């Protein structure tokens, strides 16, 4: 396999782009993950004691992670908030009122506590994140308490402490998945850069013979006899898609079905665009797809049909069902058609 082989150059270029792009994504995800999740993580390891004076005087900044607050008494408000997604409960949070200070007998100061599970009124110290109170919680919990007990109006601090860390674990999981996927793509791209034969495009040649030998043969045929139709190259024996970053090839005698495929993109029920593809399927289960404008897609399919007259031409639901569920029957029918054409040629 020569290094001047255009297929090798295309696969190496594609692999290099994959490796570089994955590495950049890995760096970006890592930087964002550290910036967003590190405060959470540090809060788990190092708590910050918050005094009642800081809370009452509003001299503590919001989103303090690992805030350690101790009160005088915990009261169960009786309120809970149910979060659902697609009619499924994803989170159930309970709310308590932690008594921070009492000025005489009639001016208590409460800190709203958010947590999973029932409120334990025997517990008066909590570690979590200090955050602002959302309008939903304020309207549905605090204002409701004020309506029932007007004398308590103004007794709740404008901040609350949440011991719920779902956001951290969900964020950690999301960043971990993206980072792992990026790492996998980087390793795959880097390995294929060194050995292009590991690329799926070359593995798809294996049923035809030795991929290394065949790629050189295809490269030679493209120099000696290359009919170019749109993005598709038609050599003596092969239908080839080759550009700076893509390489796919199918031998004419293995093609079983060619057809146009249309993807319709809609927004609010209105068609916004259509994508046209020439799809070429071989008996080994591989598909060569080339997207272009509809007239050019038609021209490519017409040109392939000349080189593979035995193959089924055109889309039909029955053909698609055979291809997906009973491919061997489709292959056998094409082989039978191929023999009939051969016999007719010999008789002529």
C-alpha atoms as a PDB file:
ATOM      1  CA  UNK A   1       0.000   0.000   0.000  1.00  0.00           C
ATOM      2  CA  UNK A   2       1.635   3.190  -1.171  1.00  0.00           C
ATOM      3  CA  UNK A   3       1.539   6.382   0.855  1.00  0.00           C
ATOM      4  CA  UNK A   4       0.519   8.258  -2.309  1.00  0.00           C
ATOM      5  CA  UNK A   5      -2.711   6.252  -2.416  1.00  0.00           C
ATOM      6  CA  UNK A   6      -5.511   8.897  -2.376  1.00  0.00           C
ATOM      7  CA  UNK A   7      -7.714   6.621  -0.261  1.00  0.00           C
ATOM      8  CA  UNK A   8      -5.005   6.466   2.391  1.00  0.00           C
ATOM      9  CA  UNK A   9      -4.623  10.236   2.315  1.00  0.00           C
ATOM     10  CA  UNK A  10      -8.385  10.714   2.725  1.00  0.00           C
ATOM     11  CA  UNK A  11      -8.630   8.305   5.665  1.00  0.00           C
ATOM     12  CA  UNK A  12      -5.598   9.809   7.383  1.00  0.00           C
ATOM     13  CA  UNK A  13      -7.034  13.294   6.919  1.00  0.00           C
ATOM     14  CA  UNK A  14     -10.370  12.151   8.349  1.00  0.00           C
ATOM     15  CA  UNK A  15      -8.657  10.416  11.277  1.00  0.00           C
ATOM     16  CA  UNK A  16      -6.489  13.453  11.979  1.00  0.00           C
ATOM     17  CA  UNK A  17      -9.554  15.712  12.010  1.00  0.00           C
ATOM     18  CA  UNK A  18     -11.354  13.310  14.345  1.00  0.00           C
ATOM     19  CA  UNK A  19      -8.405  13.185  16.736  1.00  0.00           C
ATOM     20  CA  UNK A  20      -7.929  16.968  16.773  1.00  0.00           C
ATOM     21  CA  UNK A  21     -11.633  17.726  17.166  1.00  0.00           C
ATOM     22  CA  UNK A  22     -12.033  15.132  19.949  1.00  0.00           C
ATOM     23  CA  UNK A  23      -8.982  16.487  21.769  1.00  0.00           C
ATOM     24  CA  UNK A  24     -10.341  20.036  21.599  1.00  0.00           C
ATOM     25  CA  UNK A  25     -13.733  18.874  22.902  1.00  0.00           C
ATOM     26  CA  UNK A  26     -11.953  17.027  25.695  1.00  0.00           C
ATOM     27  CA  UNK A  27     -10.077  20.203  26.685  1.00  0.00           C
ATOM     28  CA  UNK A  28     -13.198  22.386  26.520  1.00  0.00           C
ATOM     29  CA  UNK A  29     -15.314  19.930  28.500  1.00  0.00           C
ATOM     30  CA  UNK A  30     -12.549  19.572  31.058  1.00  0.00           C
ATOM     31  CA  UNK A  31     -12.229  23.342  31.492  1.00  0.00           C
ATOM     32  CA  UNK A  32     -15.992  23.886  31.768  1.00  0.00           C
ATOM     33  CA  UNK A  33     -16.337  20.918  34.099  1.00  0.00           C
ATOM     34  CA  UNK A  34     -13.650  22.236  36.430  1.00  0.00           C
ATOM     35  CA  UNK A  35     -15.137  25.749  36.424  1.00  0.00           C
ATOM     36  CA  UNK A  36     -18.684  24.595  37.140  1.00  0.00           C
ATOM     37  CA  UNK A  37     -18.217  21.491  39.266  1.00  0.00           C
ATOM     38  CA  UNK A  38     -15.058  22.216  41.246  1.00  0.00           C
ATOM     39  CA  UNK A  39     -16.849  24.525  43.737  1.00  0.00           C
ATOM     40  CA  UNK A  40     -19.310  21.733  44.435  1.00  0.00           C
ATOM     41  CA  UNK A  41     -16.534  19.220  44.954  1.00  0.00           C
ATOM     42  CA  UNK A  42     -14.556  21.521  47.240  1.00  0.00           C
ATOM     43  CA  UNK A  43     -17.738  22.204  49.179  1.00  0.00           C
ATOM     44  CA  UNK A  44     -18.057  18.501  49.929  1.00  0.00           C
ATOM     45  CA  UNK A  45     -14.500  18.432  51.280  1.00  0.00           C
ATOM     46  CA  UNK A  46     -14.275  21.784  53.071  1.00  0.00           C
ATOM     47  CA  UNK A  47     -17.282  23.234  54.883  1.00  0.00           C
ATOM     48  CA  UNK A  48     -17.640  26.940  55.631  1.00  0.00           C
ATOM     49  CA  UNK A  49     -19.268  27.861  58.967  1.00  0.00           C
ATOM     50  CA  UNK A  50     -21.937  30.539  58.493  1.00  0.00           C
ATOM     51  CA  UNK A  51     -22.961  32.515  61.576  1.00  0.00           C
ATOM     52  CA  UNK A  52     -26.458  33.730  62.269  1.00  0.00           C
ATOM     53  CA  UNK A  53     -25.151  37.299  62.161  1.00  0.00           C
ATOM     54  CA  UNK A  54     -23.938  36.774  58.591  1.00  0.00           C
ATOM     55  CA  UNK A  55     -27.319  35.409  57.579  1.00  0.00           C
ATOM     56  CA  UNK A  56     -29.375  38.071  59.319  1.00  0.00           C
ATOM     57  CA  UNK A  57     -27.185  40.896  58.033  1.00  0.00           C
ATOM     58  CA  UNK A  58     -27.175  39.353  54.558  1.00  0.00           C
ATOM     59  CA  UNK A  59     -23.387  39.563  54.521  1.00  0.00           C
ATOM     60  CA  UNK A  60     -22.765  36.139  53.010  1.00  0.00           C
ATOM     61  CA  UNK A  61     -22.522  35.625  49.260  1.00  0.00           C
ATOM     62  CA  UNK A  62     -24.911  33.306  47.460  1.00  0.00           C
ATOM     63  CA  UNK A  63     -23.975  29.934  46.059  1.00  0.00           C
ATOM     64  CA  UNK A  64     -21.638  29.186  48.945  1.00  0.00           C
ATOM     65  CA  UNK A  65     -20.904  25.472  48.680  1.00  0.00           C
ATOM     66  CA  UNK A  66     -20.440  23.496  51.866  1.00  0.00           C
ATOM     67  CA  UNK A  67     -22.126  26.151  53.991  1.00  0.00           C
ATOM     68  CA  UNK A  68     -22.370  24.921  57.605  1.00  0.00           C
ATOM     69  CA  UNK A  69     -25.384  26.417  59.375  1.00  0.00           C
ATOM     70  CA  UNK A  70     -26.566  25.699  62.922  1.00  0.00           C
ATOM     71  CA  UNK A  71     -29.907  26.936  64.196  1.00  0.00           C
ATOM     72  CA  UNK A  72     -31.943  26.839  67.381  1.00  0.00           C
ATOM     73  CA  UNK A  73     -34.782  24.631  66.226  1.00  0.00           C
ATOM     74  CA  UNK A  74     -36.073  22.889  63.104  1.00  0.00           C
ATOM     75  CA  UNK A  75     -39.750  23.015  62.159  1.00  0.00           C
ATOM     76  CA  UNK A  76     -41.383  20.907  59.458  1.00  0.00           C
ATOM     77  CA  UNK A  77     -43.351  23.235  57.174  1.00  0.00           C
ATOM     78  CA  UNK A  78     -45.321  20.325  55.775  1.00  0.00           C
ATOM     79  CA  UNK A  79     -44.495  21.406  52.225  1.00  0.00           C
ATOM     80  CA  UNK A  80     -42.765  19.354  49.578  1.00  0.00           C
ATOM     81  CA  UNK A  81     -42.062  19.945  45.922  1.00  0.00           C
ATOM     82  CA  UNK A  82     -42.400  17.209  43.315  1.00  0.00           C
ATOM     83  CA  UNK A  83     -40.379  17.472  40.119  1.00  0.00           C
ATOM     84  CA  UNK A  84     -41.640  15.398  37.193  1.00  0.00           C
ATOM     85  CA  UNK A  85     -40.548  14.674  33.649  1.00  0.00           C
ATOM     86  CA  UNK A  86     -42.901  12.992  31.175  1.00  0.00           C
ATOM     87  CA  UNK A  87     -45.314  12.305  34.050  1.00  0.00           C
ATOM     88  CA  UNK A  88     -42.564  10.496  35.985  1.00  0.00           C
ATOM     89  CA  UNK A  89     -41.416  11.817  39.363  1.00  0.00           C
ATOM     90  CA  UNK A  90     -37.717  12.623  39.116  1.00  0.00           C
ATOM     91  CA  UNK A  91     -37.197  14.366  42.446  1.00  0.00           C
ATOM     92  CA  UNK A  92     -39.105  14.876  45.706  1.00  0.00           C
ATOM     93  CA  UNK A  93     -37.859  17.696  47.935  1.00  0.00           C
ATOM     94  CA  UNK A  94     -39.065  18.565  51.426  1.00  0.00           C
ATOM     95  CA  UNK A  95     -38.858  21.947  53.148  1.00  0.00           C
ATOM     96  CA  UNK A  96     -38.198  22.852  56.747  1.00  0.00           C
ATOM     97  CA  UNK A  97     -37.883  26.140  58.613  1.00  0.00           C
ATOM     98  CA  UNK A  98     -34.653  26.362  60.616  1.00  0.00           C
ATOM     99  CA  UNK A  99     -34.995  28.866  63.453  1.00  0.00           C
ATOM    100  CA  UNK A 100     -31.876  31.022  63.315  1.00  0.00           C
ATOM    101  CA  UNK A 101     -32.606  33.679  65.889  1.00  0.00           C
ATOM    102  CA  UNK A 102     -35.378  35.000  68.110  1.00  0.00           C
ATOM    103  CA  UNK A 103     -35.591  38.698  68.885  1.00  0.00           C
ATOM    104  CA  UNK A 104     -37.796  38.684  71.974  1.00  0.00           C
ATOM    105  CA  UNK A 105     -40.890  36.503  71.724  1.00  0.00           C
ATOM    106  CA  UNK A 106     -42.424  37.703  68.488  1.00  0.00           C
ATOM    107  CA  UNK A 107     -39.669  38.214  65.892  1.00  0.00           C
ATOM    108  CA  UNK A 108     -38.229  34.854  64.846  1.00  0.00           C
ATOM    109  CA  UNK A 109     -35.854  34.532  61.890  1.00  0.00           C
ATOM    110  CA  UNK A 110     -36.077  31.404  59.754  1.00  0.00           C
ATOM    111  CA  UNK A 111     -33.832  29.902  57.105  1.00  0.00           C
ATOM    112  CA  UNK A 112     -35.653  27.705  54.609  1.00  0.00           C
ATOM    113  CA  UNK A 113     -34.028  24.259  54.304  1.00  0.00           C
ATOM    114  CA  UNK A 114     -34.475  22.077  51.211  1.00  0.00           C
ATOM    115  CA  UNK A 115     -33.646  18.386  51.381  1.00  0.00           C
ATOM    116  CA  UNK A 116     -34.564  14.903  50.199  1.00  0.00           C
ATOM    117  CA  UNK A 117     -36.654  12.902  52.637  1.00  0.00           C
ATOM    118  CA  UNK A 118     -38.811  13.945  55.547  1.00  0.00           C
ATOM    119  CA  UNK A 119     -37.737  16.814  57.794  1.00  0.00           C
ATOM    120  CA  UNK A 120     -36.134  15.697  61.064  1.00  0.00           C
ATOM    121  CA  UNK A 121     -37.208  18.191  63.737  1.00  0.00           C
ATOM    122  CA  UNK A 122     -34.562  16.829  66.086  1.00  0.00           C
ATOM    123  CA  UNK A 123     -31.819  18.076  63.797  1.00  0.00           C
ATOM    124  CA  UNK A 124     -30.727  21.734  63.892  1.00  0.00           C
ATOM    125  CA  UNK A 125     -27.483  21.778  61.873  1.00  0.00           C
ATOM    126  CA  UNK A 126     -27.179  21.474  58.104  1.00  0.00           C
ATOM    127  CA  UNK A 127     -24.445  21.532  55.466  1.00  0.00           C
ATOM    128  CA  UNK A 128     -25.327  22.458  51.908  1.00  0.00           C
ATOM    129  CA  UNK A 129     -25.409  25.253  49.387  1.00  0.00           C
ATOM    130  CA  UNK A 130     -26.733  28.726  50.134  1.00  0.00           C
ATOM    131  CA  UNK A 131     -28.768  29.973  47.226  1.00  0.00           C
ATOM    132  CA  UNK A 132     -31.523  32.369  46.328  1.00  0.00           C
ATOM    133  CA  UNK A 133     -35.167  31.434  46.674  1.00  0.00           C
ATOM    134  CA  UNK A 134     -36.961  30.880  43.379  1.00  0.00           C
ATOM    135  CA  UNK A 135     -40.236  32.637  42.675  1.00  0.00           C
ATOM    136  CA  UNK A 136     -42.059  29.282  42.619  1.00  0.00           C
ATOM    137  CA  UNK A 137     -40.839  28.317  46.074  1.00  0.00           C
ATOM    138  CA  UNK A 138     -41.475  31.815  47.419  1.00  0.00           C
ATOM    139  CA  UNK A 139     -45.047  31.936  46.081  1.00  0.00           C
ATOM    140  CA  UNK A 140     -46.039  28.349  46.837  1.00  0.00           C
ATOM    141  CA  UNK A 141     -44.364  27.871  50.217  1.00  0.00           C
ATOM    142  CA  UNK A 142     -43.284  31.056  51.981  1.00  0.00           C
ATOM    143  CA  UNK A 143     -46.185  33.236  50.882  1.00  0.00           C
ATOM    144  CA  UNK A 144     -48.561  30.410  51.728  1.00  0.00           C
ATOM    145  CA  UNK A 145     -47.094  30.264  55.228  1.00  0.00           C
ATOM    146  CA  UNK A 146     -47.530  34.028  55.558  1.00  0.00           C
ATOM    147  CA  UNK A 147     -51.143  33.769  54.485  1.00  0.00           C
ATOM    148  CA  UNK A 148     -51.792  31.169  57.176  1.00  0.00           C
ATOM    149  CA  UNK A 149     -49.700  32.995  59.823  1.00  0.00           C
ATOM    150  CA  UNK A 150     -49.674  36.735  59.036  1.00  0.00           C
ATOM    151  CA  UNK A 151     -47.616  37.412  62.167  1.00  0.00           C
ATOM    152  CA  UNK A 152     -44.687  35.549  60.567  1.00  0.00           C
ATOM    153  CA  UNK A 153     -44.500  37.784  57.501  1.00  0.00           C
ATOM    154  CA  UNK A 154     -40.920  38.862  56.876  1.00  0.00           C
ATOM    155  CA  UNK A 155     -39.488  36.215  59.189  1.00  0.00           C
ATOM    156  CA  UNK A 156     -37.909  34.120  56.431  1.00  0.00           C
ATOM    157  CA  UNK A 157     -34.480  35.085  55.157  1.00  0.00           C
ATOM    158  CA  UNK A 158     -34.219  35.875  51.427  1.00  0.00           C
ATOM    159  CA  UNK A 159     -31.882  32.896  50.969  1.00  0.00           C
ATOM    160  CA  UNK A 160     -32.260  29.193  51.584  1.00  0.00           C
ATOM    161  CA  UNK A 161     -29.924  26.260  52.156  1.00  0.00           C
ATOM    162  CA  UNK A 162     -30.294  23.205  49.965  1.00  0.00           C
ATOM    163  CA  UNK A 163     -28.774  19.841  50.763  1.00  0.00           C
ATOM    164  CA  UNK A 164     -29.894  18.514  47.383  1.00  0.00           C
ATOM    165  CA  UNK A 165     -26.918  17.912  45.096  1.00  0.00           C
ATOM    166  CA  UNK A 166     -28.651  16.382  42.078  1.00  0.00           C
ATOM    167  CA  UNK A 167     -27.317  19.114  39.815  1.00  0.00           C
ATOM    168  CA  UNK A 168     -23.766  18.227  40.782  1.00  0.00           C
ATOM    169  CA  UNK A 169     -24.134  14.505  40.164  1.00  0.00           C
ATOM    170  CA  UNK A 170     -26.116  14.995  36.962  1.00  0.00           C
ATOM    171  CA  UNK A 171     -23.540  17.511  35.727  1.00  0.00           C
ATOM    172  CA  UNK A 172     -20.707  15.197  36.718  1.00  0.00           C
ATOM    173  CA  UNK A 173     -22.336  12.310  34.841  1.00  0.00           C
ATOM    174  CA  UNK A 174     -22.941  14.421  31.719  1.00  0.00           C
ATOM    175  CA  UNK A 175     -19.403  15.790  31.648  1.00  0.00           C
ATOM    176  CA  UNK A 176     -17.989  12.325  32.324  1.00  0.00           C
ATOM    177  CA  UNK A 177     -19.938  10.807  29.410  1.00  0.00           C
ATOM    178  CA  UNK A 178     -18.899  13.591  27.015  1.00  0.00           C
ATOM    179  CA  UNK A 179     -15.284  13.400  28.181  1.00  0.00           C
ATOM    180  CA  UNK A 180     -15.223   9.605  27.835  1.00  0.00           C
ATOM    181  CA  UNK A 181     -16.774   9.761  24.359  1.00  0.00           C
ATOM    182  CA  UNK A 182     -14.252  12.418  23.307  1.00  0.00           C
ATOM    183  CA  UNK A 183     -11.404  10.332  24.674  1.00  0.00           C
ATOM    184  CA  UNK A 184     -12.626   7.252  22.793  1.00  0.00           C
ATOM    185  CA  UNK A 185     -12.908   9.202  19.529  1.00  0.00           C
ATOM    186  CA  UNK A 186      -9.449  10.674  20.094  1.00  0.00           C
ATOM    187  CA  UNK A 187      -7.894   7.243  20.653  1.00  0.00           C
ATOM    188  CA  UNK A 188      -9.731   5.773  17.648  1.00  0.00           C
ATOM    189  CA  UNK A 189      -8.785   8.684  15.400  1.00  0.00           C
ATOM    190  CA  UNK A 190      -5.155   8.581  16.529  1.00  0.00           C
ATOM    191  CA  UNK A 191      -4.899   4.819  16.006  1.00  0.00           C
ATOM    192  CA  UNK A 192      -6.414   5.049  12.520  1.00  0.00           C
ATOM    193  CA  UNK A 193      -4.014   7.847  11.694  1.00  0.00           C
ATOM    194  CA  UNK A 194      -1.171   5.407  12.217  1.00  0.00           C
ATOM    195  CA  UNK A 195      -2.929   2.445  10.594  1.00  0.00           C
ATOM    196  CA  UNK A 196      -5.623   3.471   8.082  1.00  0.00           C
ATOM    197  CA  UNK A 197      -6.510  -0.194   7.509  1.00  0.00           C
ATOM    198  CA  UNK A 198      -8.347  -0.102  10.851  1.00  0.00           C
ATOM    199  CA  UNK A 199     -10.840   2.387   9.397  1.00  0.00           C
ATOM    200  CA  UNK A 200     -14.348   1.001   8.611  1.00  0.00           C
ATOM    201  CA  UNK A 201     -13.968   2.070   4.979  1.00  0.00           C
ATOM    202  CA  UNK A 202     -11.056  -0.325   4.565  1.00  0.00           C
ATOM    203  CA  UNK A 203     -12.672  -3.047   6.653  1.00  0.00           C
ATOM    204  CA  UNK A 204     -15.630  -2.850   4.254  1.00  0.00           C
ATOM    205  CA  UNK A 205     -13.258  -3.982   1.493  1.00  0.00           C
ATOM    206  CA  UNK A 206     -12.345  -7.185   3.367  1.00  0.00           C
ATOM    207  CA  UNK A 207     -15.200  -9.284   1.850  1.00  0.00           C
ATOM    208  CA  UNK A 208     -13.782  -8.505  -1.605  1.00  0.00           C
ATOM    209  CA  UNK A 209     -10.239  -9.556  -0.727  1.00  0.00           C
ATOM    210  CA  UNK A 210      -7.147  -8.022   0.845  1.00  0.00           C
ATOM    211  CA  UNK A 211      -8.001  -4.363   1.649  1.00  0.00           C
ATOM    212  CA  UNK A 212      -4.401  -3.228   1.174  1.00  0.00           C
ATOM    213  CA  UNK A 213      -4.167  -4.779  -2.293  1.00  0.00           C
ATOM    214  CA  UNK A 214      -7.645  -3.654  -3.284  1.00  0.00           C
ATOM    215  CA  UNK A 215      -7.060  -0.040  -2.265  1.00  0.00           C
ATOM    216  CA  UNK A 216      -4.005   0.094  -4.521  1.00  0.00           C
ATOM    217  CA  UNK A 217      -6.035  -1.510  -7.324  1.00  0.00           C
ATOM    218  CA  UNK A 218      -8.790   1.079  -6.919  1.00  0.00           C
ATOM    219  CA  UNK A 219      -6.225   3.885  -6.937  1.00  0.00           C
ATOM    220  CA  UNK A 220      -4.727   2.516 -10.178  1.00  0.00           C
ATOM    221  CA  UNK A 221      -8.141   2.187 -11.822  1.00  0.00           C
ATOM    222  CA  UNK A 222      -8.984   5.764 -10.900  1.00  0.00           C
ATOM    223  CA  UNK A 223      -5.921   6.885 -12.819  1.00  0.00           C
ATOM    224  CA  UNK A 224      -6.500   4.642 -15.845  1.00  0.00           C
ATOM    225  CA  UNK A 225     -10.285   4.793 -16.267  1.00  0.00           C
ATOM    226  CA  UNK A 226     -12.297   7.154 -14.130  1.00  0.00           C
ATOM    227  CA  UNK A 227     -15.781   8.320 -15.074  1.00  0.00           C
ATOM    228  CA  UNK A 228     -16.717  11.160 -12.747  1.00  0.00           C
ATOM    229  CA  UNK A 229     -20.436  11.720 -12.078  1.00  0.00           C
ATOM    230  CA  UNK A 230     -21.004  14.290  -9.371  1.00  0.00           C
ATOM    231  CA  UNK A 231     -19.194  13.139  -6.250  1.00  0.00           C
ATOM    232  CA  UNK A 232     -19.047   9.558  -7.489  1.00  0.00           C
ATOM    233  CA  UNK A 233     -16.151   8.025  -9.422  1.00  0.00           C
ATOM    234  CA  UNK A 234     -16.862   5.023 -11.659  1.00  0.00           C
ATOM    235  CA  UNK A 235     -13.810   2.970 -12.579  1.00  0.00           C
ATOM    236  CA  UNK A 236     -13.612  -0.295 -14.491  1.00  0.00           C
ATOM    237  CA  UNK A 237     -14.755  -2.399 -11.527  1.00  0.00           C
ATOM    238  CA  UNK A 238     -15.651  -0.029  -8.717  1.00  0.00           C
ATOM    239  CA  UNK A 239     -18.067   2.688  -7.657  1.00  0.00           C
ATOM    240  CA  UNK A 240     -15.987   5.015  -5.490  1.00  0.00           C
ATOM    241  CA  UNK A 241     -16.650   7.998  -3.319  1.00  0.00           C
ATOM    242  CA  UNK A 242     -13.392   9.771  -2.643  1.00  0.00           C
ATOM    243  CA  UNK A 243     -12.678  13.289  -1.420  1.00  0.00           C
ATOM    244  CA  UNK A 244     -10.323  14.882   1.078  1.00  0.00           C
ATOM    245  CA  UNK A 245     -11.799  13.086   4.090  1.00  0.00           C
ATOM    246  CA  UNK A 246     -14.027  10.282   2.733  1.00  0.00           C
ATOM    247  CA  UNK A 247     -13.385   6.984   1.012  1.00  0.00           C
ATOM    248  CA  UNK A 248     -15.950   4.300   0.192  1.00  0.00           C
ATOM    249  CA  UNK A 249     -15.936   1.749  -2.589  1.00  0.00           C
ATOM    250  CA  UNK A 250     -18.187  -1.031  -3.856  1.00  0.00           C
ATOM    251  CA  UNK A 251     -17.512  -3.491  -6.645  1.00  0.00           C
ATOM    252  CA  UNK A 252     -20.159  -3.556  -9.366  1.00  0.00           C
ATOM    253  CA  UNK A 253     -20.681  -7.337  -9.311  1.00  0.00           C
ATOM    254  CA  UNK A 254     -21.538  -7.162  -5.570  1.00  0.00           C
ATOM    255  CA  UNK A 255     -24.124  -4.388  -5.822  1.00  0.00           C
ATOM    256  CA  UNK A 256     -27.668  -5.626  -5.169  1.00  0.00           C
ATOM    257  CA  UNK A 257     -29.769  -2.486  -4.786  1.00  0.00           C
ATOM    258  CA  UNK A 258     -29.480   1.175  -5.748  1.00  0.00           C
ATOM    259  CA  UNK A 259     -32.033   3.851  -5.010  1.00  0.00           C
ATOM    260  CA  UNK A 260     -32.659   7.487  -4.188  1.00  0.00           C
ATOM    261  CA  UNK A 261     -33.308   8.319  -0.552  1.00  0.00           C
ATOM    262  CA  UNK A 262     -35.008  11.552   0.490  1.00  0.00           C
ATOM    263  CA  UNK A 263     -34.835  12.993   3.999  1.00  0.00           C
ATOM    264  CA  UNK A 264     -37.476  15.637   4.665  1.00  0.00           C
ATOM    265  CA  UNK A 265     -36.762  18.152   7.413  1.00  0.00           C
ATOM    266  CA  UNK A 266     -39.790  19.813   8.985  1.00  0.00           C
ATOM    267  CA  UNK A 267     -40.390  22.543  11.517  1.00  0.00           C
ATOM    268  CA  UNK A 268     -43.856  22.809  13.080  1.00  0.00           C
ATOM    269  CA  UNK A 269     -45.205  20.553  10.360  1.00  0.00           C
ATOM    270  CA  UNK A 270     -43.809  22.685   7.543  1.00  0.00           C
ATOM    271  CA  UNK A 271     -41.163  21.251   5.207  1.00  0.00           C
ATOM    272  CA  UNK A 272     -38.024  23.372   5.507  1.00  0.00           C
ATOM    273  CA  UNK A 273     -35.580  21.352   3.415  1.00  0.00           C
ATOM    274  CA  UNK A 274     -34.924  18.049   1.705  1.00  0.00           C
ATOM    275  CA  UNK A 275     -31.709  16.032   1.487  1.00  0.00           C
ATOM    276  CA  UNK A 276     -31.243  13.749  -1.517  1.00  0.00           C
ATOM    277  CA  UNK A 277     -28.907  10.757  -1.427  1.00  0.00           C
ATOM    278  CA  UNK A 278     -27.808   8.119  -3.888  1.00  0.00           C
ATOM    279  CA  UNK A 279     -27.626   4.891  -1.893  1.00  0.00           C
ATOM    280  CA  UNK A 280     -25.782   1.851  -3.163  1.00  0.00           C
ATOM    281  CA  UNK A 281     -26.078  -1.443  -1.243  1.00  0.00           C
ATOM    282  CA  UNK A 282     -23.856  -4.471  -1.771  1.00  0.00           C
ATOM    283  CA  UNK A 283     -24.413  -8.129  -0.871  1.00  0.00           C
ATOM    284  CA  UNK A 284     -22.063  -7.820   2.102  1.00  0.00           C
ATOM    285  CA  UNK A 285     -24.412  -5.423   3.869  1.00  0.00           C
ATOM    286  CA  UNK A 286     -22.421  -2.268   3.160  1.00  0.00           C
ATOM    287  CA  UNK A 287     -23.945   0.961   1.923  1.00  0.00           C
ATOM    288  CA  UNK A 288     -22.292   3.709  -0.085  1.00  0.00           C
ATOM    289  CA  UNK A 289     -24.193   6.972   0.262  1.00  0.00           C
ATOM    290  CA  UNK A 290     -23.613  10.187  -1.671  1.00  0.00           C
ATOM    291  CA  UNK A 291     -25.665  13.319  -1.001  1.00  0.00           C
ATOM    292  CA  UNK A 292     -26.144  15.921  -3.723  1.00  0.00           C
ATOM    293  CA  UNK A 293     -28.817  17.903  -5.527  1.00  0.00           C
ATOM    294  CA  UNK A 294     -31.647  15.735  -6.828  1.00  0.00           C
ATOM    295  CA  UNK A 295     -30.762  15.934 -10.565  1.00  0.00           C
ATOM    296  CA  UNK A 296     -27.172  14.898  -9.818  1.00  0.00           C
ATOM    297  CA  UNK A 297     -28.355  12.071  -7.548  1.00  0.00           C
ATOM    298  CA  UNK A 298     -30.464  10.798 -10.442  1.00  0.00           C
ATOM    299  CA  UNK A 299     -27.459  11.005 -12.772  1.00  0.00           C
ATOM    300  CA  UNK A 300     -25.253   9.062 -10.347  1.00  0.00           C
ATOM    301  CA  UNK A 301     -27.824   6.287  -9.956  1.00  0.00           C
ATOM    302  CA  UNK A 302     -28.300   6.093 -13.720  1.00  0.00           C
ATOM    303  CA  UNK A 303     -24.550   5.752 -14.229  1.00  0.00           C
ATOM    304  CA  UNK A 304     -24.216   3.022 -11.579  1.00  0.00           C
ATOM    305  CA  UNK A 305     -27.140   1.120 -13.122  1.00  0.00           C
ATOM    306  CA  UNK A 306     -25.189   0.902 -16.398  1.00  0.00           C
ATOM    307  CA  UNK A 307     -22.310  -0.842 -14.604  1.00  0.00           C
ATOM    308  CA  UNK A 308     -24.575  -2.973 -12.393  1.00  0.00           C
ATOM    309  CA  UNK A 309     -27.633  -3.833 -14.561  1.00  0.00           C
ATOM    310  CA  UNK A 310     -28.354  -6.871 -12.395  1.00  0.00           C
ATOM    311  CA  UNK A 311     -29.124  -4.787  -9.304  1.00  0.00           C
ATOM    312  CA  UNK A 312     -32.562  -3.639  -8.236  1.00  0.00           C
ATOM    313  CA  UNK A 313     -33.014   0.011  -9.153  1.00  0.00           C
ATOM    314  CA  UNK A 314     -35.392   2.274  -7.216  1.00  0.00           C
ATOM    315  CA  UNK A 315     -36.916   2.438  -3.778  1.00  0.00           C
ATOM    316  CA  UNK A 316     -39.876   0.324  -2.724  1.00  0.00           C
ATOM    317  CA  UNK A 317     -41.102  -0.597   0.741  1.00  0.00           C
ATOM    318  CA  UNK A 318     -40.994  -4.307  -0.125  1.00  0.00           C
ATOM    319  CA  UNK A 319     -37.351  -4.040  -1.178  1.00  0.00           C
ATOM    320  CA  UNK A 320     -36.506  -2.161   1.981  1.00  0.00           C
ATOM    321  CA  UNK A 321     -38.240  -4.839   4.069  1.00  0.00           C
ATOM    322  CA  UNK A 322     -36.222  -7.545   2.299  1.00  0.00           C
ATOM    323  CA  UNK A 323     -32.998  -5.618   2.836  1.00  0.00           C
ATOM    324  CA  UNK A 324     -33.658  -5.182   6.539  1.00  0.00           C
ATOM    325  CA  UNK A 325     -35.248  -8.524   7.423  1.00  0.00           C
ATOM    326  CA  UNK A 326     -34.506 -11.079   4.697  1.00  0.00           C
ATOM    327  CA  UNK A 327     -31.411  -9.851   2.890  1.00  0.00           C
ATOM    328  CA  UNK A 328     -30.346 -13.248   1.610  1.00  0.00           C
ATOM    329  CA  UNK A 329     -33.577 -13.571  -0.395  1.00  0.00           C
ATOM    330  CA  UNK A 330     -32.830 -10.243  -2.048  1.00  0.00           C
ATOM    331  CA  UNK A 331     -29.246 -11.335  -2.771  1.00  0.00           C
ATOM    332  CA  UNK A 332     -30.442 -14.649  -4.244  1.00  0.00           C
ATOM    333  CA  UNK A 333     -32.869 -12.835  -6.542  1.00  0.00           C
ATOM    334  CA  UNK A 334     -30.097 -10.527  -7.748  1.00  0.00           C
ATOM    335  CA  UNK A 335     -27.758 -13.477  -8.352  1.00  0.00           C
ATOM    336  CA  UNK A 336     -30.502 -15.179 -10.371  1.00  0.00           C
ATOM    337  CA  UNK A 337     -30.966 -12.008 -12.410  1.00  0.00           C
ATOM    338  CA  UNK A 338     -27.221 -11.816 -12.931  1.00  0.00           C
ATOM    339  CA  UNK A 339     -27.147 -15.380 -14.328  1.00  0.00           C
ATOM    340  CA  UNK A 340     -30.037 -14.588 -16.660  1.00  0.00           C
ATOM    341  CA  UNK A 341     -28.212 -11.541 -18.032  1.00  0.00           C
ATOM    342  CA  UNK A 342     -25.067 -13.615 -18.493  1.00  0.00           C
ATOM    343  CA  UNK A 343     -26.984 -16.285 -20.403  1.00  0.00           C
ATOM    344  CA  UNK A 344     -28.649 -13.691 -22.596  1.00  0.00           C
ATOM    345  CA  UNK A 345     -25.252 -12.165 -23.348  1.00  0.00           C
ATOM    346  CA  UNK A 346     -23.798 -15.544 -24.274  1.00  0.00           C
ATOM    347  CA  UNK A 347     -26.730 -16.331 -26.578  1.00  0.00           C
ATOM    348  CA  UNK A 348     -26.323 -13.004 -28.313  1.00  0.00           C
END
